[in-house]
Protein backbone atom coordinates (compact mmCIF):
# COMPACT_ATOMS: atom_id res chain seq x y z
CA MET A 1 0.00 0.00 0.00
CA THR A 2 1.39 3.41 -0.97
CA ALA A 3 1.45 6.32 1.41
CA ASN A 4 -0.99 9.18 0.96
CA THR A 5 1.68 11.78 0.13
CA PRO A 6 1.06 15.40 -0.88
CA ALA A 7 2.08 14.47 -4.43
CA SER A 8 -0.52 11.70 -4.62
CA SER A 9 -3.17 14.05 -3.23
CA SER A 10 -2.21 16.59 -5.89
CA HIS A 11 -2.55 13.90 -8.58
CA ARG A 12 -6.02 13.01 -7.34
CA SER A 13 -7.06 16.66 -7.33
CA ARG A 14 -5.87 17.16 -10.91
CA ASN A 15 -7.60 13.97 -12.00
CA LEU A 16 -10.86 15.09 -10.43
CA VAL A 17 -10.63 18.50 -12.11
CA ARG A 18 -9.91 16.83 -15.45
CA ALA A 19 -12.92 14.53 -15.06
CA VAL A 20 -15.21 17.42 -14.17
CA VAL A 21 -13.99 19.44 -17.18
CA ILE A 22 -14.69 16.55 -19.57
CA ALA A 23 -18.18 15.99 -18.16
CA MET A 24 -19.02 19.70 -18.19
CA ALA A 25 -17.77 20.10 -21.77
CA CYS A 26 -20.14 17.40 -23.06
CA ILE A 27 -23.02 18.72 -20.95
CA SER A 28 -22.37 22.24 -22.29
CA VAL A 29 -22.46 21.00 -25.89
CA ALA A 30 -25.70 19.14 -25.12
CA LEU A 31 -27.23 22.33 -23.74
CA LEU A 32 -26.11 24.29 -26.81
CA LEU A 33 -27.67 21.71 -29.14
CA SER A 34 -30.97 22.05 -27.29
CA VAL A 35 -31.15 25.63 -28.64
CA ASP A 36 -32.99 25.48 -31.98
CA VAL A 37 -30.92 28.21 -33.64
CA VAL A 38 -27.63 26.48 -32.79
CA TYR A 39 -28.82 23.09 -34.04
CA LEU A 40 -30.17 24.65 -37.25
CA TRP A 41 -26.78 26.28 -37.85
CA LEU A 42 -25.06 22.92 -37.30
CA GLN A 43 -27.41 21.14 -39.71
CA ARG A 44 -26.78 23.73 -42.41
CA GLY A 45 -23.02 23.31 -41.98
CA LEU A 46 -23.26 19.52 -42.23
CA MET A 47 -25.52 19.71 -45.29
CA ALA A 48 -23.03 22.05 -46.98
CA ALA A 49 -20.06 19.76 -46.22
CA GLU A 50 -21.73 16.48 -47.26
CA PRO A 51 -21.82 17.04 -51.05
CA LEU A 52 -18.20 18.20 -51.05
CA ILE A 53 -17.08 14.98 -49.36
CA SER A 54 -19.41 12.77 -51.41
CA ALA A 55 -18.11 14.27 -54.68
CA HIS A 56 -14.59 13.10 -53.80
CA PRO A 57 -15.12 10.00 -51.62
CA TRP A 58 -11.61 8.54 -51.82
CA LEU A 59 -9.89 11.88 -51.43
CA GLY A 60 -12.20 12.81 -48.57
CA ALA A 61 -11.46 9.55 -46.76
CA LEU A 62 -7.72 9.96 -47.33
CA VAL A 63 -7.74 13.52 -45.99
CA PHE A 64 -9.75 12.43 -42.96
CA VAL A 65 -7.29 9.61 -42.20
CA VAL A 66 -4.31 11.96 -42.63
CA LEU A 67 -5.87 14.55 -40.30
CA ALA A 68 -6.60 11.84 -37.74
CA GLY A 69 -2.98 10.73 -37.99
CA ILE A 70 -1.74 14.29 -37.48
CA SER A 71 -3.87 14.57 -34.34
CA ALA A 72 -1.95 11.58 -32.93
CA ILE A 73 1.36 13.40 -33.53
CA LEU A 74 0.69 17.06 -32.70
CA ALA A 75 -0.71 18.07 -29.31
CA PHE A 76 -2.41 21.23 -30.57
CA PHE A 77 -4.33 19.54 -33.39
CA SER A 78 -7.50 17.48 -32.99
CA SER A 79 -9.51 15.64 -35.62
CA THR A 80 -12.54 15.13 -33.37
CA LEU A 81 -14.16 18.35 -34.59
CA LEU A 82 -14.47 16.69 -38.02
CA VAL A 83 -16.26 13.61 -36.66
CA PRO A 84 -19.85 14.96 -36.88
CA ALA A 85 -19.38 15.81 -40.57
CA ALA A 86 -17.82 12.38 -41.19
CA VAL A 87 -20.68 10.60 -39.39
CA TYR A 88 -23.22 12.64 -41.35
CA THR A 89 -21.55 11.64 -44.63
CA TRP A 90 -20.21 8.11 -44.12
CA GLY A 91 -22.13 6.74 -41.15
CA ASN A 92 -20.86 5.42 -37.83
CA THR A 93 -18.98 2.28 -38.87
CA LEU A 94 -16.84 3.72 -41.66
CA THR A 95 -16.05 6.84 -39.63
CA ALA A 96 -14.86 4.73 -36.68
CA ILE A 97 -12.67 2.60 -38.98
CA LEU A 98 -11.10 5.65 -40.65
CA LEU A 99 -10.45 7.29 -37.28
CA TRP A 100 -8.87 4.12 -35.92
CA ILE A 101 -6.63 3.71 -38.98
CA GLY A 102 -5.55 7.35 -38.86
CA TRP A 103 -4.71 7.24 -35.15
CA LEU A 104 -2.85 3.95 -35.60
CA LEU A 105 -0.74 5.32 -38.46
CA GLY A 106 -0.10 8.55 -36.56
CA GLY A 107 1.06 6.57 -33.55
CA MET A 108 3.47 4.57 -35.70
CA PHE A 109 4.93 7.78 -37.10
CA ALA A 110 5.32 9.26 -33.60
CA TYR A 111 7.08 6.04 -32.53
CA SER A 112 9.55 6.37 -35.42
CA LEU A 113 10.28 9.99 -34.44
CA GLY A 114 10.86 8.96 -30.83
CA HIS A 115 13.12 6.13 -31.96
CA GLY A 116 15.13 8.63 -34.00
CA MET A 117 15.77 10.65 -30.82
CA ARG A 118 17.67 7.77 -29.22
CA ARG A 119 21.41 8.20 -28.73
CA PRO A 120 24.11 5.56 -29.13
CA ALA A 121 24.73 3.32 -26.14
CA GLY A 122 26.86 5.04 -23.52
CA GLN A 123 25.87 8.51 -24.68
CA ASP A 124 22.32 8.46 -23.41
CA GLY A 125 21.81 10.74 -20.42
CA GLY A 126 18.34 9.38 -19.75
CA PRO A 127 14.94 10.28 -21.13
CA PRO A 128 13.96 13.94 -21.52
CA SER A 129 12.31 15.44 -18.44
CA ARG A 130 8.98 15.55 -20.25
CA PHE A 131 9.13 11.76 -20.59
CA ALA A 132 10.72 10.93 -17.25
CA ALA A 133 7.61 12.03 -15.35
CA TYR A 134 5.65 9.11 -16.83
CA LEU A 135 8.14 6.35 -16.09
CA PRO A 136 7.71 3.92 -13.19
CA LYS A 137 9.99 4.61 -10.22
CA ALA A 138 11.29 1.04 -10.06
CA SER A 139 13.52 -0.15 -12.89
CA ALA A 140 11.42 -2.68 -14.76
CA PRO A 141 10.93 -3.48 -18.43
CA VAL A 142 8.14 -1.54 -20.10
CA GLY A 143 5.62 -4.16 -21.17
CA PHE A 144 2.25 -4.22 -22.87
CA PRO A 145 0.12 -3.36 -19.76
CA LEU A 146 2.02 -0.14 -19.05
CA VAL A 147 2.12 0.89 -22.73
CA LEU A 148 -1.63 0.28 -22.93
CA LEU A 149 -2.20 2.49 -19.88
CA TRP A 150 -0.01 5.20 -21.39
CA GLN A 151 -2.01 5.06 -24.59
CA LEU A 152 -5.34 5.19 -22.76
CA VAL A 153 -4.41 8.00 -20.35
CA LEU A 154 -1.71 10.29 -21.76
CA PRO A 155 -2.17 12.91 -24.50
CA SER A 156 -2.18 11.06 -27.80
CA GLU A 157 1.20 12.36 -29.04
CA ILE A 158 3.22 11.33 -25.96
CA PRO A 159 3.10 7.49 -25.90
CA GLY A 160 4.46 7.10 -29.43
CA TYR A 161 7.45 9.37 -28.82
CA LEU A 162 8.03 7.83 -25.39
CA CYS A 163 7.88 4.20 -26.54
CA GLY A 164 10.09 4.90 -29.54
CA TYR A 165 12.65 6.66 -27.37
CA LEU A 166 12.69 3.87 -24.78
CA GLY A 167 13.05 1.18 -27.43
CA VAL A 168 9.79 -0.58 -26.58
CA PRO A 169 9.35 -3.38 -29.17
CA PHE A 170 7.42 -2.03 -32.15
CA ARG A 171 4.92 -4.89 -32.11
CA THR A 172 4.18 -4.26 -28.43
CA TYR A 173 3.52 -0.59 -29.08
CA VAL A 174 1.36 -1.22 -32.17
CA ALA A 175 -0.71 -3.82 -30.33
CA ALA A 176 -1.32 -1.38 -27.46
CA VAL A 177 -2.29 1.41 -29.86
CA ALA A 178 -4.65 -0.87 -31.78
CA VAL A 179 -6.41 -1.95 -28.59
CA ALA A 180 -6.48 1.48 -26.92
CA GLU A 181 -7.61 3.56 -29.89
CA LEU A 182 -10.55 1.32 -30.82
CA PRO A 183 -12.78 2.34 -27.86
CA TYR A 184 -11.74 5.98 -28.38
CA ALA A 185 -12.77 5.77 -32.04
CA ILE A 186 -16.10 4.20 -31.11
CA GLY A 187 -16.64 6.79 -28.37
CA ALA A 188 -15.82 9.68 -30.70
CA VAL A 189 -18.29 8.35 -33.25
CA LEU A 190 -21.01 7.93 -30.61
CA VAL A 191 -20.45 11.52 -29.53
CA GLY A 192 -20.47 12.68 -33.15
CA ASN A 193 -23.66 10.75 -33.83
CA SER A 194 -25.28 12.29 -30.74
CA VAL A 195 -24.33 15.75 -32.00
CA VAL A 196 -25.65 15.11 -35.53
CA ASN A 197 -28.95 13.63 -34.35
CA ARG A 198 -29.38 15.97 -31.36
CA HIS A 199 -29.35 13.19 -28.80
CA THR A 200 -28.51 15.58 -26.01
CA GLY A 201 -29.27 13.10 -23.23
CA TRP A 202 -26.89 10.52 -24.68
CA LEU A 203 -24.24 13.19 -25.18
CA ALA A 204 -24.39 14.17 -21.52
CA VAL A 205 -24.30 10.52 -20.42
CA LEU A 206 -21.31 9.77 -22.66
CA GLY A 207 -19.48 12.77 -21.21
CA VAL A 208 -20.05 11.62 -17.63
CA LEU A 209 -19.03 8.04 -18.46
CA ALA A 210 -15.85 9.23 -20.21
CA ALA A 211 -14.99 11.44 -17.24
CA VAL A 212 -15.48 8.65 -14.68
CA LEU A 213 -13.59 6.08 -16.73
CA GLY A 214 -10.77 8.53 -17.43
CA TYR A 215 -10.47 9.37 -13.73
CA PHE A 216 -10.02 5.73 -12.73
CA LEU A 217 -7.61 5.01 -15.59
CA VAL A 218 -5.41 7.90 -14.52
CA ARG A 219 -5.45 6.61 -10.94
CA MET A 220 -4.43 3.17 -12.21
CA LEU A 221 -1.52 4.69 -14.13
CA HIS A 222 -0.30 6.69 -11.12
CA ARG A 223 -0.54 3.62 -8.90
CA ARG A 224 1.36 1.57 -11.49
CA GLN A 225 4.11 4.18 -11.69
CA GLU A 226 4.46 4.36 -7.92
CA GLN A 227 4.73 0.59 -7.61
CA GLY A 228 7.09 0.20 -10.59
């Protein structure tokens, strides 16, 4: 059992704030969609985008996958804002598949960049400080369970760089990304579908569920790092 240190209390506080922000964001969007003028504006935007995507289906799908991949590499870029338009045009299943493929490819590219940051043996002064904060305190090999937790909890661009830098086997990293990004792709599509069809109740519920699940996953990661 780990001691209840000030640092662990601070982690719990940040996790709780993060969970509340996620829940409130989805609830706020649900409230906005309940306003007829806002929903009408959204519908007009989706109707304007749909023929453009339908006229170039392969190019549209390729661009969507590329943008999803970029969102897995760059912290300031997110492809989730495009999900409602994709759901409106392609439906839930194809949108989830394209998102998953894009995030998987983006993760692979981030891994290759992280691997390129490695130094020759004997010249490595340890991982950058940005990465060191996520490593377990005890020296133990980084296996699939920890990589999966990283992928589920950390900002999407960090696990790829981190695993590449640490030399985590590529197949281990890819397997973790494939497993972790699938529920995120499904969740993003469910949220997008709720936005498109004005299912405000479901949108609020999904936000609360994501916040609660995220809170416990972050606690699991912190506990894993403390134990090593």
